[in-house]
Protein backbone atom coordinates (compact mmCIF):
# COMPACT_ATOMS: atom_id res chain seq x y z
CA MET A 1 174.85 36.71 15.06
CA PRO A 2 173.70 36.53 18.72
CA ASN A 3 176.11 36.64 21.61
CA THR A 4 176.80 33.13 22.86
CA SER A 5 177.95 33.46 26.47
CA VAL A 6 175.69 32.40 29.31
CA ALA A 7 176.40 35.65 31.15
CA ASN A 8 174.83 37.63 28.31
CA ARG A 9 171.59 35.67 28.08
CA PRO A 10 168.30 37.53 28.86
CA ALA A 11 167.31 37.70 32.52
CA HIS A 12 164.45 35.24 32.09
CA MET A 13 166.95 32.76 30.62
CA LEU A 14 169.42 33.19 33.46
CA ALA A 15 166.60 32.51 35.92
CA GLU A 16 166.40 28.98 34.52
CA LEU A 17 169.85 28.29 35.97
CA ASP A 18 168.47 28.76 39.50
CA THR A 19 165.36 26.61 39.23
CA PRO A 20 165.02 22.84 38.83
CA VAL A 21 162.22 23.26 36.28
CA PRO A 22 162.46 25.76 33.39
CA ILE A 23 159.42 27.99 32.94
CA PRO A 24 158.32 26.41 29.61
CA LEU A 25 157.85 23.06 31.39
CA LEU A 26 155.94 24.26 34.47
CA GLY A 27 152.47 23.04 35.32
CA PRO A 28 150.48 19.95 36.31
CA SER A 29 149.28 18.86 32.85
CA ALA A 30 150.19 15.47 31.45
CA LEU A 31 152.03 17.19 28.60
CA ALA A 32 154.19 19.22 31.00
CA GLN A 33 154.88 16.15 33.14
CA ARG A 34 155.94 14.19 30.07
CA ALA A 35 158.29 16.99 29.01
CA ARG A 36 159.85 17.16 32.49
CA ALA A 37 160.36 13.38 32.46
CA ALA A 38 162.14 13.70 29.10
CA LEU A 39 164.37 16.43 30.57
CA ASP A 40 165.18 14.26 33.59
CA ASP A 41 166.09 11.39 31.28
CA ALA A 42 168.24 13.63 29.06
CA ALA A 43 170.16 14.85 32.11
CA THR A 44 171.51 11.31 32.61
CA LYS A 45 172.95 11.13 29.07
CA ARG A 46 175.27 12.96 26.71
CA SER A 47 173.56 12.23 23.40
CA ALA A 48 172.19 14.88 21.05
CA MET A 49 168.78 16.24 22.04
CA LEU A 50 165.99 17.68 19.89
CA LEU A 51 163.48 20.12 21.38
CA ILE A 52 160.26 20.30 19.37
CA ALA A 53 158.92 23.76 20.16
CA GLU A 54 156.75 26.31 18.40
CA ASP A 55 157.96 29.89 18.07
CA GLY A 56 157.76 31.75 21.37
CA SER A 57 158.01 28.57 23.48
CA ARG A 58 161.51 29.38 24.78
CA PRO A 59 163.36 26.17 23.92
CA GLU A 60 166.64 27.89 24.78
CA ALA A 61 165.47 28.05 28.41
CA VAL A 62 165.01 24.27 28.35
CA ALA A 63 168.47 23.83 26.80
CA LEU A 64 169.96 26.06 29.50
CA ALA A 65 168.27 23.97 32.19
CA LEU A 66 169.75 20.82 30.68
CA HIS A 67 173.17 22.49 30.53
CA ALA A 68 172.88 23.52 34.20
CA ARG A 69 172.16 19.92 35.20
CA THR A 70 174.95 18.33 33.17
CA THR A 71 177.87 20.65 32.33
CA PRO A 72 177.34 23.87 34.33
CA GLU A 73 181.06 24.75 34.37
CA GLN A 74 181.46 24.31 30.62
CA PRO A 75 180.44 26.70 27.81
CA PHE A 76 176.88 27.14 26.61
CA VAL A 77 176.96 28.38 23.01
CA SER A 78 173.73 29.39 21.29
CA VAL A 79 173.27 30.00 17.58
CA ASP A 80 169.98 31.01 15.95
CA CYS A 81 170.04 29.26 12.59
CA ALA A 82 167.25 31.51 11.30
CA ALA A 83 169.23 34.72 11.94
CA GLY A 84 171.34 36.26 9.21
CA ASP A 85 171.90 34.93 5.71
CA ARG A 86 173.22 31.49 4.76
CA ALA A 87 176.85 32.56 4.73
CA ASP A 88 176.51 34.14 8.19
CA VAL A 89 175.11 30.96 9.71
CA ASP A 90 177.75 28.74 8.12
CA ARG A 91 180.53 31.09 9.23
CA ARG A 92 179.16 31.26 12.78
CA LEU A 93 179.23 27.47 13.07
CA PHE A 94 182.48 26.71 11.24
CA GLY A 95 184.42 29.95 11.66
CA GLU A 96 186.39 31.87 9.12
CA PRO A 97 187.21 29.92 5.95
CA GLY A 98 190.75 29.39 4.78
CA GLY A 99 191.68 26.01 6.14
CA PRO A 100 193.06 23.15 4.08
CA LEU A 101 190.60 21.29 1.90
CA ALA A 102 190.99 18.01 3.74
CA ALA A 103 189.17 15.06 2.24
CA ASP A 104 189.02 13.19 5.53
CA LEU A 105 187.48 15.71 7.97
CA GLU A 106 185.62 19.02 8.10
CA TRP A 107 187.53 22.19 8.94
CA ALA A 108 186.65 24.67 11.71
CA GLY A 109 188.44 27.99 11.89
CA ASP A 110 188.66 31.04 14.12
CA GLY A 111 185.35 32.03 15.76
CA ALA A 112 183.66 28.68 15.12
CA ALA A 113 180.82 27.88 17.50
CA LEU A 114 181.79 24.21 17.11
CA LEU A 115 185.08 25.04 18.83
CA GLU A 116 183.70 27.52 21.37
CA ALA A 117 181.32 24.90 22.74
CA GLY A 118 184.25 22.81 23.97
CA SER A 119 182.86 20.05 26.18
CA GLY A 120 179.71 22.01 26.98
CA VAL A 121 176.48 22.49 25.03
CA LEU A 122 176.01 23.77 21.51
CA PHE A 123 172.39 24.91 21.13
CA LEU A 124 171.08 25.41 17.60
CA ASP A 125 167.78 27.24 17.63
CA HIS A 126 165.64 26.66 14.51
CA ILE A 127 167.99 23.93 13.26
CA CYS A 128 165.50 23.14 10.51
CA GLU A 129 166.40 26.52 8.97
CA LEU A 130 170.03 25.53 8.40
CA PRO A 131 171.08 25.76 4.73
CA ALA A 132 171.37 22.36 3.05
CA SER A 133 175.13 22.72 2.59
CA THR A 134 175.59 23.52 6.31
CA GLN A 135 173.40 20.58 7.25
CA ARG A 136 175.70 18.29 5.25
CA ARG A 137 178.81 19.71 6.93
CA LEU A 138 177.36 19.41 10.42
CA ALA A 139 176.16 15.86 9.72
CA ARG A 140 179.68 14.93 8.70
CA VAL A 141 181.14 16.42 11.88
CA MET A 142 178.67 14.56 14.08
CA ARG A 143 179.35 11.33 12.18
CA ASP A 144 183.15 11.56 12.33
CA GLY A 145 183.41 13.03 15.83
CA GLU A 146 186.51 14.99 14.79
CA LEU A 147 187.49 18.30 13.15
CA ARG A 148 190.54 19.80 11.53
CA THR A 149 191.54 23.15 13.10
CA PRO A 150 194.30 25.73 12.60
CA PHE A 151 195.42 25.20 16.18
CA SER A 152 196.79 21.68 15.92
CA ALA A 153 198.19 19.32 13.34
CA ASP A 154 196.12 16.54 14.84
CA PRO A 155 192.34 16.30 14.53
CA LEU A 156 190.30 17.73 17.41
CA ALA A 157 187.75 15.44 19.02
CA VAL A 158 184.17 16.77 19.05
CA VAL A 159 182.98 16.51 22.65
CA PHE A 160 180.22 19.10 22.89
CA ARG A 161 176.60 18.06 23.35
CA LEU A 162 174.35 19.10 20.49
CA VAL A 163 170.91 20.40 21.53
CA ALA A 164 168.63 21.80 18.85
CA SER A 165 165.11 23.15 18.44
CA CYS A 166 162.65 22.88 15.57
CA PRO A 167 158.90 23.67 15.38
CA ALA A 168 158.22 20.23 13.86
CA ASP A 169 159.71 16.79 14.32
CA LEU A 170 162.76 16.44 12.09
CA ASP A 171 161.40 13.15 10.72
CA VAL A 172 158.68 15.23 9.05
CA GLU A 173 161.29 17.63 7.66
CA VAL A 174 163.31 14.67 6.32
CA ARG A 175 160.26 13.08 4.72
CA ASP A 176 159.43 16.35 2.97
CA GLY A 177 163.00 16.74 1.74
CA ARG A 178 163.87 19.78 3.84
CA PHE A 179 166.36 18.19 6.23
CA HIS A 180 169.42 15.98 5.84
CA PRO A 181 168.56 12.44 7.02
CA GLU A 182 172.04 11.75 8.40
CA LEU A 183 171.90 14.83 10.63
CA ALA A 184 168.37 13.95 11.79
CA ARG A 185 169.56 10.45 12.74
CA ARG A 186 172.09 11.96 15.16
CA PHE A 187 169.19 12.88 17.47
CA GLY A 188 167.86 9.32 17.58
CA SER A 189 164.84 9.09 19.87
CA ALA A 190 166.05 11.83 22.25
CA ARG A 191 163.17 14.24 21.68
CA LEU A 192 161.40 16.58 24.07
CA ILE A 193 158.15 18.31 23.09
CA VAL A 194 157.63 21.75 24.63
CA PRO A 195 153.80 21.88 24.57
CA PRO A 196 152.23 25.08 23.19
CA LEU A 197 150.01 27.10 25.54
CA ARG A 198 146.79 26.31 23.68
CA GLN A 199 147.22 22.60 24.51
CA ARG A 200 147.80 23.03 28.24
CA PRO A 201 145.13 25.18 29.94
CA GLU A 202 145.82 23.39 33.26
CA ASP A 203 149.34 24.88 33.28
CA PHE A 204 148.28 28.47 32.72
CA GLY A 205 148.13 29.44 36.40
CA ALA A 206 151.65 28.16 37.13
CA LEU A 207 153.06 29.84 34.02
CA LEU A 208 151.30 33.12 34.80
CA GLU A 209 152.64 33.24 38.35
CA ALA A 210 156.18 32.35 37.26
CA LEU A 211 156.23 35.03 34.56
CA ALA A 212 154.77 37.60 36.96
CA ARG A 213 157.52 36.84 39.48
CA ASP A 214 160.18 37.25 36.81
CA ASP A 215 158.73 40.52 35.57
CA ALA A 216 157.74 42.09 38.86
CA ALA A 217 161.02 41.27 40.65
CA ALA A 218 160.56 42.27 44.30
CA THR A 219 156.91 43.38 43.92
CA PRO A 220 154.54 40.47 44.67
CA ARG A 221 151.48 40.34 42.43
CA THR A 222 148.23 38.45 42.74
CA PHE A 223 145.53 38.00 40.09
CA THR A 224 141.79 38.02 40.65
CA GLN A 225 139.94 35.02 39.22
CA PRO A 226 138.24 37.13 36.50
CA ALA A 227 141.67 38.47 35.46
CA ARG A 228 143.06 34.91 35.23
CA THR A 229 140.04 33.79 33.24
CA VAL A 230 140.40 36.55 30.66
CA LEU A 231 144.08 35.76 30.14
CA GLY A 232 143.43 32.03 30.06
CA ALA A 233 140.70 32.38 27.44
CA LEU A 234 143.19 33.59 24.81
CA THR A 235 144.92 31.04 22.57
CA TRP A 236 148.34 32.80 22.70
CA PRO A 237 149.67 31.82 19.25
CA GLY A 238 153.00 33.42 20.25
CA ASN A 239 153.12 31.15 23.30
CA ILE A 240 155.15 32.13 26.39
CA ASP A 241 156.93 35.04 24.72
CA GLU A 242 153.63 36.64 23.70
CA LEU A 243 152.12 36.07 27.14
CA ALA A 244 155.21 37.59 28.77
CA ARG A 245 155.04 40.70 26.55
CA VAL A 246 151.37 41.33 27.29
CA LEU A 247 151.86 40.57 30.96
CA GLY A 248 154.72 43.05 31.11
CA ARG A 249 152.45 45.81 29.84
CA ILE A 250 149.74 44.84 32.31
CA LEU A 251 152.09 44.86 35.29
CA GLU A 252 153.48 48.28 34.38
CA SER A 253 150.13 49.90 35.12
CA ALA A 254 148.49 47.47 37.56
CA GLY A 255 148.75 47.53 41.33
CA PRO A 256 149.62 44.62 43.65
CA VAL A 257 146.29 42.98 42.74
CA VAL A 258 145.80 42.57 38.99
CA ARG A 259 142.11 42.92 38.13
CA GLN A 260 140.05 42.13 35.09
CA GLU A 261 140.02 45.75 33.94
CA ASP A 262 143.84 45.85 34.07
CA VAL A 263 143.94 42.89 31.71
CA LEU A 264 141.25 44.14 29.32
CA ALA A 265 143.16 47.39 28.82
CA HIS A 266 146.12 45.51 27.34
CA LEU A 267 144.68 42.59 25.42
CA PRO A 268 146.19 42.11 21.94
CA ILE A 269 143.59 43.29 19.43
CA ASP A 270 144.34 40.35 17.12
CA GLY A 271 144.02 37.74 19.85
CA ALA A 272 141.58 34.91 20.29
CA PHE A 273 138.49 37.13 20.18
CA GLY A 274 139.14 38.37 16.65
CA LYS A 275 139.81 41.80 15.19
CA VAL A 276 138.35 44.85 16.85
CA ASP A 277 135.60 46.46 14.77
CA LEU A 278 136.42 50.16 14.91
CA THR A 279 133.11 51.12 13.27
CA VAL A 280 130.91 50.23 16.27
CA ASN A 281 130.34 52.33 19.37
CA LEU A 282 131.86 51.47 22.74
CA ARG A 283 128.68 49.86 24.10
CA ASP A 284 128.40 47.49 21.13
CA ALA A 285 132.11 46.71 21.28
CA ARG A 286 131.82 45.77 24.95
CA ARG A 287 128.79 43.57 24.21
CA ARG A 288 130.63 41.83 21.37
CA PHE A 289 133.68 41.21 23.54
CA GLU A 290 131.55 39.88 26.42
CA ARG A 291 129.69 37.53 24.07
CA GLU A 292 132.88 36.15 22.46
CA TYR A 293 134.66 35.97 25.80
CA ILE A 294 131.89 34.02 27.56
CA ALA A 295 131.50 31.73 24.53
CA ALA A 296 135.25 31.01 24.60
CA VAL A 297 135.13 30.14 28.32
CA LEU A 298 132.11 27.87 27.75
CA GLU A 299 133.91 26.08 24.92
CA ARG A 300 137.03 25.65 27.04
CA HIS A 301 134.94 23.98 29.75
CA GLN A 302 132.97 21.95 27.16
CA TRP A 303 129.78 23.79 28.15
CA ARG A 304 129.87 22.56 31.73
CA MET A 305 127.94 25.52 33.11
CA SER A 306 129.05 25.16 36.73
CA ASP A 307 132.74 25.04 35.77
CA ALA A 308 132.40 27.95 33.34
CA ALA A 309 130.54 30.06 35.90
CA ARG A 310 133.24 29.37 38.47
CA ALA A 311 135.95 30.42 36.01
CA LEU A 312 134.03 33.59 35.14
CA GLY A 313 133.50 34.43 38.81
CA ILE A 314 129.70 34.57 38.56
CA GLU A 315 126.77 32.47 39.71
CA ARG A 316 125.53 29.74 37.40
CA ALA A 317 122.09 31.37 37.22
CA ASN A 318 123.74 34.61 36.07
CA LEU A 319 125.64 32.70 33.40
CA TYR A 320 122.42 31.20 32.04
CA ARG A 321 120.93 34.72 31.99
CA LYS A 322 123.99 36.12 30.18
CA THR A 323 123.90 33.43 27.50
CA ARG A 324 120.24 34.22 26.80
CA GLN A 325 120.80 37.99 26.76
CA LEU A 326 123.84 37.76 24.48
CA GLY A 327 122.43 35.09 22.19
CA ILE A 328 125.12 32.51 22.99
CA ALA A 329 124.02 29.02 21.95
CA ARG A 330 125.82 25.73 21.69
CA MET A 331 125.35 24.55 18.14
CA SER A 332 123.23 21.37 17.94
CA ARG A 333 124.53 20.03 21.25
CA PRO A 334 122.79 19.96 24.64
CA GLU A 335 124.15 22.05 27.49
CA THR A 336 125.85 20.16 30.28
CA LEU A 337 125.52 20.90 33.97
């Protein structure tokens, strides 16, 4: 199971402790603003908190930011509920078995994350992947607010704050019979949605700059507009983690100014522009990429030619010429100026 101390978190996670806004919530979009407002509200409370976040969206960074605002001197314990087998996850949460079979309260033994969290934060990544039996045990702990331990004859009060992540709202998981309703109720209405990258194109510039600063350390980087446009045209199904991986490869070979050609050399071949056809020659491959790339930018800007041309870094007249040359047409809808 993963190490749980704050000191051993990845560098990009530790950076969240020094900034008022975690990277996953940066940007001017309404979705990002709503998420930041939910984080601000959560920082005034101690109730359980659910982070609804797709894979690669870095919900742990949001949990760390909440921890830094509320209990920075207390433990931050992180458990990935999707890692290891069922017995591993149960043992990581409740410790080594062997305690008395008490009818009144659950038992937590040596090495239990429930005990390590103390009065800090217990973060459960992918909580929807918890085995049903572990869900029942955790629901009972959260309901009773106490545990039996080998360290005292008296019950131990549960004072940690539970923060968890799941790709979907737990209400959906409950309705479909995959999640224990009593455990889901512990989160109440305290929910924060980490918006996926495909839903927040307005935030892309802020996210790109923040990730570049993290990766490049002391080396400042700037991006040309064509380079930004190419990166922004991808849908990034792996969200921030995927963008960070690709960006890391780009920055390894690029100079202080990241240009379009630096980006094109490292695009994921299974990205938004489809699979690469290895049977065509280089000229045809370039033409295909240019056609799909320009079409994607036009769709993103709802075929507003002036906006698309500005994003592409070309004149509007040149964009009209390109669309004719490449056979790009908006299906059954008029073009918009």
